[in-house]
Amino acid sequence: MSNSTKLRLLGALAVVLVVVGIVLVVTGDDEPTGPSTTTTTVADGQAPTATLPLDDTSVKGVSSMAGLVVPDAAKDFLTAATENKAQLDVTFTLPSDQVATFVSGSGFPALAEGEKVVTHSSPLWKLNPEGTESGAADSVTVDGVTVVRAVETVPEGDRVRVRLVLTPGS
């Protein structure tokens, strides 16, 4: 077979591959063919996992759900929820003179210096931060939903990092 014939065959093959690729891109579908949720059943004798109403994870939404009073001076507000909505991690920073306002306004008991109440790491924080942790835990019922709350504060530069773990109560 001559070189010119080989080049023609390679050119034709390249054109066919490009056409097939374009057809796949244009007619391809990103939508799943089945349902996009997983349905599970609870085994006999097991209770279903309680969940939090996490439709709104903004400052206002989380504050409303968990009975929090977050001062306007709060910055860097972030949340991370577990896939099953059984836990919400929340973090933000406050000026140090606003911590007492947050704690008392939210109805938390007094924070105990050196008290570690958040015992897991999170995408939002380190498990063992630098600085002295102060913490407290309680539960609150808002609109018929009980939320168990654990709060820790850790100095962070000229501000204080607030770390909250919210879980459904029984």
Protein backbone atom coordinates (compact mmCIF):
# COMPACT_ATOMS: atom_id res chain seq x y z
CA MET A 1 0.00 0.00 0.00
CA SER A 2 1.43 3.36 -0.95
CA ASN A 3 1.99 6.23 1.48
CA SER A 4 -0.68 8.38 -0.16
CA THR A 5 -3.28 5.61 0.28
CA LYS A 6 -2.31 5.23 3.95
CA LEU A 7 -2.67 8.98 4.49
CA ARG A 8 -6.09 8.98 2.81
CA LEU A 9 -7.27 6.11 5.03
CA LEU A 10 -5.97 7.86 8.16
CA GLY A 11 -7.68 11.08 7.10
CA ALA A 12 -10.97 9.28 6.48
CA LEU A 13 -10.69 7.53 9.86
CA ALA A 14 -10.02 10.87 11.59
CA VAL A 15 -13.09 12.43 9.94
CA VAL A 16 -15.27 9.49 11.01
CA LEU A 17 -14.01 9.73 14.62
CA VAL A 18 -14.67 13.48 14.73
CA VAL A 19 -18.20 13.00 13.38
CA VAL A 20 -18.91 10.22 15.92
CA GLY A 21 -17.56 12.43 18.74
CA ILE A 22 -19.74 15.36 17.70
CA VAL A 23 -22.83 13.13 17.50
CA LEU A 24 -22.14 11.76 21.01
CA VAL A 25 -21.66 15.24 22.47
CA VAL A 26 -24.77 16.66 20.82
CA THR A 27 -27.06 13.72 21.57
CA GLY A 28 -25.54 12.67 24.90
CA ASP A 29 -27.62 13.10 28.04
CA ASP A 30 -26.30 14.10 31.46
CA GLU A 31 -29.54 13.12 33.17
CA PRO A 32 -29.51 9.84 35.09
CA THR A 33 -31.80 7.15 33.78
CA GLY A 34 -33.02 6.15 37.24
CA PRO A 35 -34.09 8.01 40.33
CA SER A 36 -31.58 10.47 41.77
CA THR A 37 -32.25 9.53 45.38
CA THR A 38 -31.54 6.40 47.33
CA THR A 39 -34.43 4.82 49.13
CA THR A 40 -33.67 2.81 52.23
CA THR A 41 -35.84 0.98 54.65
CA VAL A 42 -35.37 0.74 58.37
CA ALA A 43 -34.68 -2.77 59.64
CA ASP A 44 -37.18 -4.31 62.02
CA GLY A 45 -36.65 -2.98 65.53
CA GLN A 46 -34.63 0.05 64.43
CA ALA A 47 -35.86 3.60 64.71
CA PRO A 48 -35.40 5.93 61.74
CA THR A 49 -32.55 8.44 62.05
CA ALA A 50 -33.74 11.81 63.28
CA THR A 51 -32.94 14.72 60.98
CA LEU A 52 -32.65 18.49 61.18
CA PRO A 53 -34.77 20.82 59.02
CA LEU A 54 -31.91 22.09 56.85
CA ASP A 55 -33.81 23.87 54.10
CA ASP A 56 -32.02 27.14 54.89
CA THR A 57 -28.41 27.10 56.14
CA SER A 58 -27.94 30.87 56.05
CA VAL A 59 -27.22 32.77 59.28
CA LYS A 60 -30.91 33.61 59.55
CA GLY A 61 -32.09 30.06 58.80
CA VAL A 62 -29.68 28.35 61.20
CA SER A 63 -30.36 30.95 63.91
CA SER A 64 -34.10 30.38 63.59
CA MET A 65 -33.82 26.59 63.63
CA ALA A 66 -31.41 26.40 66.59
CA GLY A 67 -32.48 29.39 68.70
CA LEU A 68 -29.25 31.30 68.11
CA VAL A 69 -28.69 35.04 68.34
CA VAL A 70 -25.71 35.69 66.06
CA PRO A 71 -24.41 39.27 66.40
CA ASP A 72 -24.19 41.40 63.26
CA ALA A 73 -20.42 41.56 63.73
CA ALA A 74 -20.12 37.83 62.87
CA LYS A 75 -17.89 37.06 59.89
CA ASP A 76 -16.83 33.98 57.96
CA PHE A 77 -20.13 32.11 58.54
CA LEU A 78 -19.89 28.57 57.15
CA THR A 79 -21.96 25.40 57.51
CA ALA A 80 -21.42 21.74 56.64
CA ALA A 81 -24.16 19.14 56.98
CA THR A 82 -23.95 15.38 56.94
CA GLU A 83 -25.65 13.78 53.97
CA ASN A 84 -28.42 12.32 56.13
CA LYS A 85 -29.14 15.73 57.75
CA ALA A 86 -28.42 14.31 61.21
CA GLN A 87 -25.74 16.92 62.01
CA LEU A 88 -24.89 20.47 61.05
CA ASP A 89 -21.48 21.96 61.79
CA VAL A 90 -21.43 25.76 61.93
CA THR A 91 -18.53 28.14 62.35
CA PHE A 92 -18.01 31.89 62.31
CA THR A 93 -15.84 34.50 63.99
CA LEU A 94 -16.79 37.26 66.39
CA PRO A 95 -14.96 40.15 68.01
CA SER A 96 -14.00 38.94 71.50
CA ASP A 97 -16.33 41.48 73.14
CA GLN A 98 -19.33 39.94 71.31
CA VAL A 99 -18.94 36.35 72.59
CA ALA A 100 -20.88 36.96 75.82
CA THR A 101 -23.70 38.57 73.81
CA PHE A 102 -23.87 35.51 71.55
CA VAL A 103 -23.76 33.01 74.43
CA SER A 104 -26.36 34.71 76.63
CA GLY A 105 -28.59 35.79 73.74
CA SER A 106 -28.66 32.22 72.43
CA GLY A 107 -29.50 30.85 75.88
CA PHE A 108 -26.35 28.77 76.31
CA PRO A 109 -25.06 28.04 79.80
CA ALA A 110 -21.86 29.90 80.70
CA LEU A 111 -18.89 28.64 78.69
CA ALA A 112 -16.41 26.64 80.77
CA GLU A 113 -12.78 27.46 79.98
CA GLY A 114 -10.86 24.37 78.94
CA GLU A 115 -14.12 22.47 78.29
CA LYS A 116 -13.94 20.54 74.99
CA VAL A 117 -17.46 19.71 73.80
CA VAL A 118 -16.76 19.34 70.07
CA THR A 119 -14.99 16.01 69.84
CA HIS A 120 -14.74 15.54 66.09
CA SER A 121 -13.00 17.27 63.24
CA SER A 122 -15.01 18.89 60.50
CA PRO A 123 -14.41 20.26 57.03
CA LEU A 124 -14.80 23.59 58.84
CA TRP A 125 -12.22 23.23 61.64
CA LYS A 126 -9.27 21.37 63.10
CA LEU A 127 -9.93 18.88 65.88
CA ASN A 128 -7.21 20.34 68.09
CA PRO A 129 -6.97 24.07 67.43
CA GLU A 130 -4.34 26.32 68.94
CA GLY A 131 -5.55 28.26 71.95
CA THR A 132 -7.76 27.51 74.90
CA GLU A 133 -11.18 26.15 74.07
CA SER A 134 -14.21 27.13 76.09
CA GLY A 135 -17.42 25.20 75.66
CA ALA A 136 -20.93 24.35 76.72
CA ALA A 137 -23.75 22.11 75.52
CA ASP A 138 -27.51 22.17 75.84
CA SER A 139 -30.67 21.58 73.86
CA VAL A 140 -33.42 23.90 72.74
CA THR A 141 -36.86 23.33 71.24
CA VAL A 142 -37.95 25.73 68.51
CA ASP A 143 -41.25 25.29 66.67
CA GLY A 144 -41.58 21.75 68.04
CA VAL A 145 -38.11 20.67 66.88
CA THR A 146 -35.53 19.85 69.56
CA VAL A 147 -31.95 20.67 68.62
CA VAL A 148 -28.98 19.50 70.70
CA ARG A 149 -26.31 22.22 70.61
CA ALA A 150 -22.61 22.05 71.44
CA VAL A 151 -20.65 25.30 71.24
CA GLU A 152 -16.93 25.97 71.58
CA THR A 153 -14.98 29.17 71.24
CA VAL A 154 -11.29 29.41 70.40
CA PRO A 155 -9.21 32.60 70.14
CA GLU A 156 -8.18 33.29 66.54
CA GLY A 157 -6.07 36.39 66.04
CA ASP A 158 -8.02 39.46 67.15
CA ARG A 159 -11.32 37.53 66.91
CA VAL A 160 -12.83 34.41 68.44
CA ARG A 161 -13.77 31.36 66.36
CA VAL A 162 -17.19 29.93 67.29
CA ARG A 163 -17.70 26.23 66.52
CA LEU A 164 -21.19 24.76 66.79
CA VAL A 165 -22.42 21.22 66.34
CA LEU A 166 -26.19 20.89 65.96
CA THR A 167 -27.95 17.52 66.06
CA PRO A 168 -31.59 16.53 66.37
CA GLY A 169 -32.89 15.81 69.86
CA SER A 170 -35.39 13.17 70.78
